[in-house]
Protein backbone atom coordinates (compact mmCIF):
# COMPACT_ATOMS: atom_id res chain seq x y z
CA MET A 1 0.01 -0.01 0.00
CA GLY A 2 1.53 3.30 -1.10
CA PHE A 3 0.68 7.00 -0.96
CA THR A 4 2.31 10.08 -2.60
CA PHE A 5 1.95 13.60 -1.28
CA LYS A 6 3.60 17.01 -0.93
CA ILE A 7 3.58 19.37 2.02
CA SER A 8 4.46 23.07 1.65
CA GLU A 9 6.26 25.09 4.36
CA GLU A 10 3.21 27.26 4.95
CA GLN A 11 0.97 24.25 5.21
CA TYR A 12 3.34 22.68 7.75
CA LEU A 13 3.48 25.86 9.81
CA SER A 14 -0.33 26.19 9.75
CA THR A 15 -0.71 22.64 11.03
CA LEU A 16 1.99 23.22 13.67
CA ARG A 17 0.10 26.28 14.95
CA MET A 18 -3.10 24.25 15.18
CA PHE A 19 -1.18 21.46 17.05
CA LEU A 20 0.20 23.89 19.57
CA ARG A 21 -3.28 25.39 20.16
CA LEU A 22 -4.59 21.93 20.87
CA LYS A 23 -1.76 21.29 23.34
CA ARG A 24 -2.59 24.67 25.02
CA ARG A 25 -6.02 23.35 25.91
CA GLY A 26 -4.63 20.18 27.52
CA ILE A 27 -4.85 19.70 31.32
CA PRO A 28 -1.03 19.68 31.89
CA ASN A 29 -0.66 23.08 30.17
CA ILE A 30 -3.65 24.54 32.01
CA LEU A 31 -2.16 23.42 35.35
CA ILE A 32 1.28 24.90 34.43
CA LEU A 33 -0.42 28.20 33.45
CA PHE A 34 -2.33 28.21 36.76
CA PHE A 35 0.68 27.57 38.95
CA MET A 36 2.93 30.03 36.98
CA THR A 37 0.37 32.87 37.31
CA VAL A 38 -2.28 32.64 40.04
CA GLY A 39 -0.34 30.04 42.08
CA GLN A 40 3.00 31.76 42.31
CA ALA A 41 1.44 35.28 42.66
CA GLY A 42 -0.70 34.03 45.53
CA LEU A 43 2.31 32.41 47.19
CA VAL A 44 4.30 35.64 46.89
CA ALA A 45 1.43 37.72 48.32
CA TRP A 46 0.96 35.26 51.18
CA ASN A 47 4.63 35.35 52.14
CA ILE A 48 4.75 39.13 51.94
CA VAL A 49 1.91 39.41 54.41
CA ARG A 50 2.96 36.51 56.63
CA LEU A 51 6.61 37.61 56.92
CA ASP A 52 5.73 41.38 56.78
CA ILE A 53 8.27 42.01 54.00
CA GLN A 54 8.78 45.69 53.48
CA GLY A 55 10.89 48.02 51.34
CA THR A 56 13.07 46.96 48.42
CA PRO A 57 12.63 43.19 48.92
CA ARG A 58 8.90 43.62 48.76
CA VAL A 59 9.13 45.59 45.52
CA MET A 60 11.53 43.07 44.01
CA LEU A 61 9.26 40.13 44.81
CA ILE A 62 6.17 41.88 43.29
CA VAL A 63 8.15 42.80 40.16
CA LEU A 64 9.50 39.26 39.80
CA SER A 65 6.05 37.76 40.25
CA ALA A 66 4.63 40.13 37.65
CA LEU A 67 7.40 39.36 35.23
CA ILE A 68 6.81 35.54 35.56
CA CYS A 69 3.07 36.17 34.83
CA LEU A 70 3.85 38.29 31.77
CA LEU A 71 6.39 35.81 30.40
CA GLN A 72 3.85 32.98 30.84
CA ALA A 73 1.12 35.02 29.12
CA PHE A 74 3.51 35.83 26.23
CA TYR A 75 4.49 32.15 25.90
CA GLN A 76 0.85 31.03 25.80
CA THR A 77 -0.20 33.58 23.18
CA SER A 78 2.83 33.50 20.85
CA ILE A 79 1.71 30.40 18.97
CA GLY A 80 2.89 31.68 15.60
CA LEU A 81 6.43 32.59 16.84
CA ARG A 82 6.84 29.29 18.64
CA ALA A 83 5.78 27.37 15.49
CA ARG A 84 8.41 29.20 13.39
CA ILE A 85 11.15 28.67 16.01
CA GLN A 86 10.26 25.01 16.28
CA LEU A 87 10.42 24.60 12.47
CA LYS A 88 13.82 26.38 12.33
CA LYS A 89 15.22 24.15 15.07
CA SER A 90 13.97 21.04 13.27
CA MET A 91 15.61 22.16 10.04
CA ALA A 92 18.85 23.22 11.74
CA SER A 93 19.16 19.89 13.56
CA GLY A 94 18.46 17.87 10.40
CA LYS A 95 15.12 16.46 11.58
CA ILE A 96 13.52 18.25 8.59
CA SER A 97 15.67 18.25 5.44
CA LYS A 98 15.31 20.47 2.33
CA ASP A 99 13.90 17.44 0.53
CA PHE A 100 10.98 17.44 2.97
CA TRP A 101 9.21 20.05 0.83
CA ASN A 102 9.53 17.85 -2.25
CA MET A 103 7.33 14.89 -3.13
CA GLN A 104 7.07 12.26 -0.34
CA ASN A 105 6.27 8.58 -0.64
CA LEU A 106 4.66 6.65 2.21
CA THR A 107 4.26 2.85 2.07
CA ILE A 108 2.91 0.33 4.54
CA LYS A 109 4.03 -3.25 3.92
CA ASP A 110 4.53 -6.21 6.32
CA ASP A 111 3.33 -4.07 9.26
CA VAL A 112 6.10 -1.57 8.66
CA LEU A 113 5.56 2.03 7.66
CA THR A 114 8.23 3.56 5.43
CA LEU A 115 8.52 7.26 4.50
CA ARG A 116 10.82 8.30 1.66
CA CYS A 117 11.64 11.86 0.78
CA GLY A 118 14.58 12.53 -1.48
CA LYS A 119 17.60 10.64 -0.11
CA SER A 120 15.97 10.29 3.33
CA ARG A 121 14.30 7.05 4.33
CA LEU A 122 12.51 6.50 7.65
CA THR A 123 10.92 3.23 8.80
CA TYR A 124 8.57 2.67 11.67
CA ASP A 125 7.38 -0.66 12.99
CA CYS A 126 3.66 -0.48 13.44
CA ALA A 127 4.09 -2.21 16.79
CA TYR A 128 5.03 1.23 18.10
CA TYR A 129 2.03 3.07 16.57
CA ARG A 130 0.12 4.90 19.34
CA GLY A 131 -2.68 6.61 17.40
CA ALA A 132 -3.64 9.25 14.88
CA TRP A 133 -5.15 12.71 15.39
CA ARG A 134 -6.79 15.06 12.89
CA VAL A 135 -5.12 18.50 12.95
CA GLY A 136 -6.82 20.69 10.42
CA ASP A 137 -6.24 19.22 6.96
CA MET A 138 -3.48 16.98 8.31
CA LEU A 139 -3.44 13.61 10.07
CA LEU A 140 -0.82 13.28 12.81
CA LEU A 141 0.61 9.70 13.04
CA ASP A 142 2.22 9.03 16.45
CA PHE A 143 4.87 6.41 17.09
CA LYS A 144 6.79 5.79 20.28
CA ARG A 145 9.57 3.31 21.07
CA GLY A 146 11.01 3.57 24.58
CA GLU A 147 11.59 7.31 25.13
CA ASP A 148 11.80 8.14 21.42
CA VAL A 149 8.67 9.81 20.03
CA HIS A 150 8.08 10.32 16.31
CA GLN A 151 5.15 12.22 14.89
CA LEU A 152 4.44 12.35 11.16
CA PHE A 153 2.14 14.90 9.44
CA VAL A 154 0.39 13.50 6.43
CA PRO A 155 -2.39 15.27 4.37
CA ALA A 156 -5.73 13.65 5.38
CA SER A 157 -6.89 13.68 1.77
CA VAL A 158 -4.26 11.15 0.90
CA PHE A 159 -6.27 8.40 2.60
CA ASP A 160 -9.63 9.20 0.88
CA ASN A 161 -9.49 6.04 -1.27
CA MET A 162 -9.37 3.78 1.80
CA GLY A 163 -12.14 5.30 3.90
CA GLY A 164 -10.49 8.51 5.04
CA THR A 165 -8.87 8.97 8.44
CA GLU A 166 -11.02 6.24 10.00
CA GLY A 167 -9.91 3.74 7.37
CA ILE A 168 -6.18 4.42 7.95
CA GLU A 169 -6.54 4.39 11.71
CA LYS A 170 -8.21 1.04 11.55
CA TYR A 171 -5.59 -0.28 9.13
CA LEU A 172 -2.67 0.86 11.35
CA ALA A 173 -4.37 -0.52 14.45
CA GLU A 174 -4.64 -3.92 12.81
CA ALA A 175 -1.01 -3.67 11.61
CA LYS A 176 0.07 -2.84 15.13
CA ARG A 177 -1.76 -5.87 16.55
CA ASN A 178 -0.27 -8.17 13.85
CA SER A 179 3.27 -6.89 14.44
CA ILE A 180 3.04 -7.37 18.23
CA LEU A 181 1.48 -10.79 17.96
CA ALA A 182 4.25 -11.77 15.52
CA GLY A 183 6.63 -11.37 18.40
CA PHE A 184 4.71 -13.96 20.36
CA ALA A 185 4.33 -16.33 17.38
CA GLY A 186 7.14 -18.56 18.62
CA ASN A 187 5.29 -19.39 21.76
CA GLY A 188 1.89 -19.34 20.25
CA TRP A 189 -1.31 -19.35 22.20
CA LYS A 190 -1.70 -23.05 23.06
CA ARG A 191 -4.67 -23.72 25.30
CA PRO A 192 -5.27 -27.10 26.97
CA GLU A 193 -6.75 -29.56 24.46
CA GLN A 194 -8.92 -31.33 27.08
CA ALA A 195 -10.47 -28.88 29.52
CA LYS A 196 -13.43 -29.72 31.82
CA CYS A 197 -14.74 -26.21 31.33
CA SER A 198 -13.50 -22.99 29.69
CA VAL A 199 -14.53 -19.33 29.36
CA GLU A 200 -13.26 -16.85 26.72
CA TYR A 201 -13.37 -13.05 26.89
CA SER A 202 -11.67 -9.88 25.72
CA TYR A 203 -10.28 -6.87 27.63
CA THR A 204 -9.50 -3.27 26.69
CA LYS A 205 -6.78 -1.63 28.68
CA LYS A 206 -9.32 0.53 30.46
CA ASN A 207 -11.54 -2.36 31.44
CA PHE A 208 -8.63 -4.56 32.49
CA ALA A 209 -7.24 -1.79 34.78
CA ARG A 210 -10.75 -1.23 36.18
CA ASP A 211 -11.22 -4.90 37.03
CA TYR A 212 -7.72 -5.06 38.57
CA VAL A 213 -8.78 -2.37 41.01
CA ARG A 214 -12.18 -3.91 41.66
CA SER A 215 -10.68 -7.36 42.31
CA ALA A 216 -8.06 -5.93 44.74
CA ARG A 217 -10.84 -4.25 46.81
CA LEU A 218 -13.25 -7.11 46.50
CA GLY A 219 -10.56 -9.39 47.96
CA TYR A 220 -11.10 -7.87 51.39
CA LEU A 221 -14.52 -9.46 51.45
CA THR A 222 -12.83 -12.86 51.37
CA ARG A 223 -10.95 -14.62 54.13
CA ILE A 224 -7.63 -14.38 52.19
CA PRO A 225 -6.17 -11.11 53.54
CA TRP A 226 -7.27 -11.69 57.15
CA SER A 227 -4.35 -13.73 58.49
CA ILE A 228 -3.01 -13.43 62.09
CA GLY A 229 -0.15 -11.33 60.75
CA SER A 230 -2.34 -8.82 58.99
CA ILE A 231 -4.60 -8.44 61.98
CA ALA A 232 -1.59 -7.88 64.23
CA LYS A 233 -0.40 -5.10 61.86
CA ILE A 234 -3.82 -3.34 62.03
CA ALA A 235 -3.82 -3.66 65.85
CA GLY A 236 -0.35 -2.31 66.12
CA ALA A 237 -1.14 0.70 63.89
CA ALA A 238 -4.32 1.35 65.88
CA PHE A 239 -2.40 1.28 69.13
CA LEU A 240 0.20 3.78 67.82
CA MET A 241 -2.44 6.14 66.40
CA TYR A 242 -4.53 6.02 69.54
CA ASN A 243 -1.53 7.19 71.55
CA VAL A 244 -0.75 9.97 69.06
CA ILE A 245 -4.35 11.27 69.16
CA ALA A 246 -4.49 10.97 72.91
CA GLY A 247 -1.31 12.98 73.24
CA ASN A 248 0.58 10.33 75.18
CA PHE A 249 3.85 11.01 73.28
CA ASP A 250 5.76 14.03 74.49
CA SER A 251 8.40 13.94 71.84
CA THR A 252 7.56 15.37 68.39
CA ALA A 253 10.07 13.01 66.84
CA PHE A 254 8.33 10.03 68.40
CA VAL A 255 4.97 11.23 67.15
CA TRP A 256 6.35 11.32 63.59
CA PHE A 257 7.85 7.90 64.16
CA ALA A 258 4.52 6.56 65.26
CA VAL A 259 2.74 8.05 62.22
CA LEU A 260 5.26 6.70 59.74
CA ALA A 261 5.28 3.30 61.38
CA SER A 262 1.47 3.19 61.16
CA ILE A 263 1.60 4.08 57.47
CA LEU A 264 4.14 1.26 56.84
CA LEU A 265 1.99 -1.24 58.77
CA LEU A 266 -1.11 -0.23 56.84
CA TYR A 267 0.55 0.44 53.48
CA ARG A 268 -1.20 -2.51 51.78
CA TYR A 269 -4.63 -1.21 52.77
CA ILE A 270 -3.79 2.42 52.12
CA ALA A 271 -2.56 1.57 48.60
CA THR A 272 -5.67 -0.50 47.80
CA TYR A 273 -8.13 2.24 48.73
CA THR A 274 -6.27 5.24 47.38
CA PRO A 275 -5.24 6.34 43.85
CA LEU A 276 -2.03 4.32 44.36
CA ILE A 277 -3.92 1.22 43.27
CA ARG A 278 -4.63 2.79 39.96
CA LEU A 279 -0.90 3.35 39.37
CA MET A 280 -0.32 -0.30 40.19
CA ALA A 281 -3.07 -1.28 37.80
CA LYS A 282 -1.67 0.81 35.02
CA LYS A 283 1.78 -0.79 35.41
CA ASN A 284 0.34 -4.31 35.39
CA THR A 285 -1.88 -3.49 32.45
CA GLU A 286 0.96 -2.20 30.37
CA SER A 287 2.92 -5.44 31.10
CA ILE A 288 0.02 -7.68 30.20
CA PHE A 289 -1.04 -5.87 27.05
CA ALA A 290 2.51 -5.48 25.71
CA GLY A 291 1.57 -2.70 23.36
CA LEU A 292 -1.85 -4.01 22.27
CA ASP A 293 -5.08 -2.03 22.83
CA VAL A 294 -7.24 -5.16 23.12
CA ILE A 295 -6.32 -8.67 24.20
CA ARG A 296 -8.18 -12.05 24.09
CA CYS A 297 -8.09 -14.05 27.23
CA ALA A 298 -9.29 -17.49 28.39
CA VAL A 299 -9.56 -19.49 31.55
CA ASP A 300 -9.37 -23.28 31.10
CA ILE A 301 -9.83 -25.74 33.96
CA THR A 302 -8.41 -29.25 33.59
CA ASP A 303 -8.31 -32.18 36.07
CA ASP A 304 -5.50 -30.59 38.08
CA GLU A 305 -4.70 -27.19 36.64
CA LEU A 306 -6.18 -23.78 36.01
CA VAL A 307 -4.73 -22.22 32.89
CA PHE A 308 -5.01 -18.40 32.42
CA SER A 309 -3.80 -17.46 28.95
CA GLY A 310 -4.12 -14.84 26.28
CA ASP A 311 -2.56 -13.21 23.25
CA THR A 312 0.59 -12.18 25.12
CA PHE A 313 0.84 -14.53 28.14
CA TYR A 314 0.29 -18.13 29.46
CA ASN A 315 0.04 -19.03 33.14
CA ALA A 316 -0.78 -22.46 34.59
CA VAL A 317 -1.35 -23.06 38.34
CA ARG A 318 -2.38 -26.08 40.31
CA LEU A 319 -6.04 -26.15 41.31
CA SER A 320 -4.86 -26.44 44.88
CA SER A 321 -3.48 -22.84 44.55
CA VAL A 322 -7.01 -21.45 44.18
CA CYS A 323 -8.31 -20.00 47.45
CA GLU A 324 -11.64 -18.42 46.61
CA VAL A 325 -13.85 -17.02 43.85
CA LYS A 326 -15.99 -13.96 43.84
CA GLU A 327 -18.45 -12.57 41.32
CA LYS A 328 -19.74 -9.00 41.13
CA GLU A 329 -21.89 -7.63 38.30
CA ASP A 330 -19.91 -8.03 35.03
CA MET A 331 -16.67 -9.41 36.62
CA ALA A 332 -15.48 -12.41 38.47
CA ALA A 333 -12.27 -12.79 40.41
CA ILE A 334 -10.31 -15.96 41.18
CA TYR A 335 -7.99 -15.52 44.17
CA LEU A 336 -4.76 -17.55 44.42
CA LYS A 337 -2.59 -18.41 47.39
CA ASP A 338 0.22 -16.12 46.23
CA SER A 339 -2.09 -13.08 46.85
CA THR A 340 -2.73 -12.57 43.09
CA ALA A 341 -6.10 -12.63 41.36
CA ILE A 342 -7.27 -13.65 37.88
CA THR A 343 -10.25 -11.56 36.56
CA ILE A 344 -12.86 -12.65 34.17
CA ALA A 345 -14.90 -10.17 32.10
CA ILE A 346 -18.49 -11.43 32.05
CA ASP A 347 -21.04 -10.55 29.32
CA SER A 348 -24.18 -12.03 27.81
CA GLU A 349 -22.19 -14.33 25.49
CA ASN A 350 -19.94 -15.98 28.02
CA ARG A 351 -22.07 -15.81 31.21
CA SER A 352 -23.01 -19.51 31.17
CA ASP A 353 -19.45 -20.60 30.51
CA ALA A 354 -18.16 -18.35 33.31
CA ALA A 355 -20.78 -19.77 35.67
CA ARG A 356 -19.71 -23.32 34.94
CA CYS A 357 -16.01 -22.43 35.63
CA LEU A 358 -16.80 -20.59 38.84
CA GLU A 359 -19.02 -23.45 40.02
CA GLN A 360 -16.27 -25.97 39.22
CA LEU A 361 -13.78 -23.96 41.31
CA ALA A 362 -16.21 -23.44 44.15
CA SER A 363 -17.01 -27.14 44.27
CA LEU A 364 -13.31 -27.90 44.96
CA HIS A 365 -13.53 -26.00 48.22
CA ARG A 366 -16.80 -27.64 49.19
CA ILE A 367 -15.22 -31.08 48.65
CA SER A 368 -11.98 -30.19 50.46
CA GLY A 369 -13.89 -28.58 53.31
């Protein structure tokens, strides 16, 4: 599949200005604007009043604060100047050559995108494709490998023959999936041939991270986390905090020690019920998905094993490692002895299969009990 196009310098600058305007509306930029203007000005005013700063130091602080506000306002409004400076830097560093303004040729073959322009040739493995965004008349193709980010501007009209921007986005998403799965082709996705019961389902990154959080919190409704050791930790933290609140510690240092010791004792519970769990979920999700946006999963139960597998992973555990199962709304969680959990996304199509698997696992505990 090949495309030929040409981008003029004015067209590129126009697109770059639109792109910078879009970034200006982003939450990170809005937060920076707030802290560099209202935030720092408020902090300066508060310190002037609190410390009763007078004379020349007071004038200098006010002037410095006003200067920071003016510089930030100038930076936010000088979109055209920033676009020209960015273009000049790109041309000076060689990121944009003189041939860039000539005819360009873009091809996608074997899940690899290649861009040729004069003597320049750039290749991008579609496994590192992150998405595409419409910016005016251009389509921005975004690739990231490690810390290296590459963004390509291509006229959107180039893709009219394949369904427009939606068509090329769908094509690149499929190429990304194929490229990533090719890396796992050696292992393959080999599920057990003879399973007593099985359930298949798919996960998006968002839903997998959501169920990771839900399963972690739902786990406290089981008997798994309530060991003698965990109860002792809670009791120890409660004792320390009681004495802090009651004022039984005269030393400030010992009060801080008691607070920090309590946090360490309760870290597992604090992490589970605060935004920290979402950071853990994000890290685990990125590891499982390995660059894919959607993965297929399956749970297979044999005579002596539970196999949890998918497009990018394969895990087999003994049935004796299963501690408990819990079901809530459109999700089920299988808790293992190593304090991990396997989640199952339940929908109308796999609900009966999921019910059979959960019943099979629950029956093991009834028999052993």
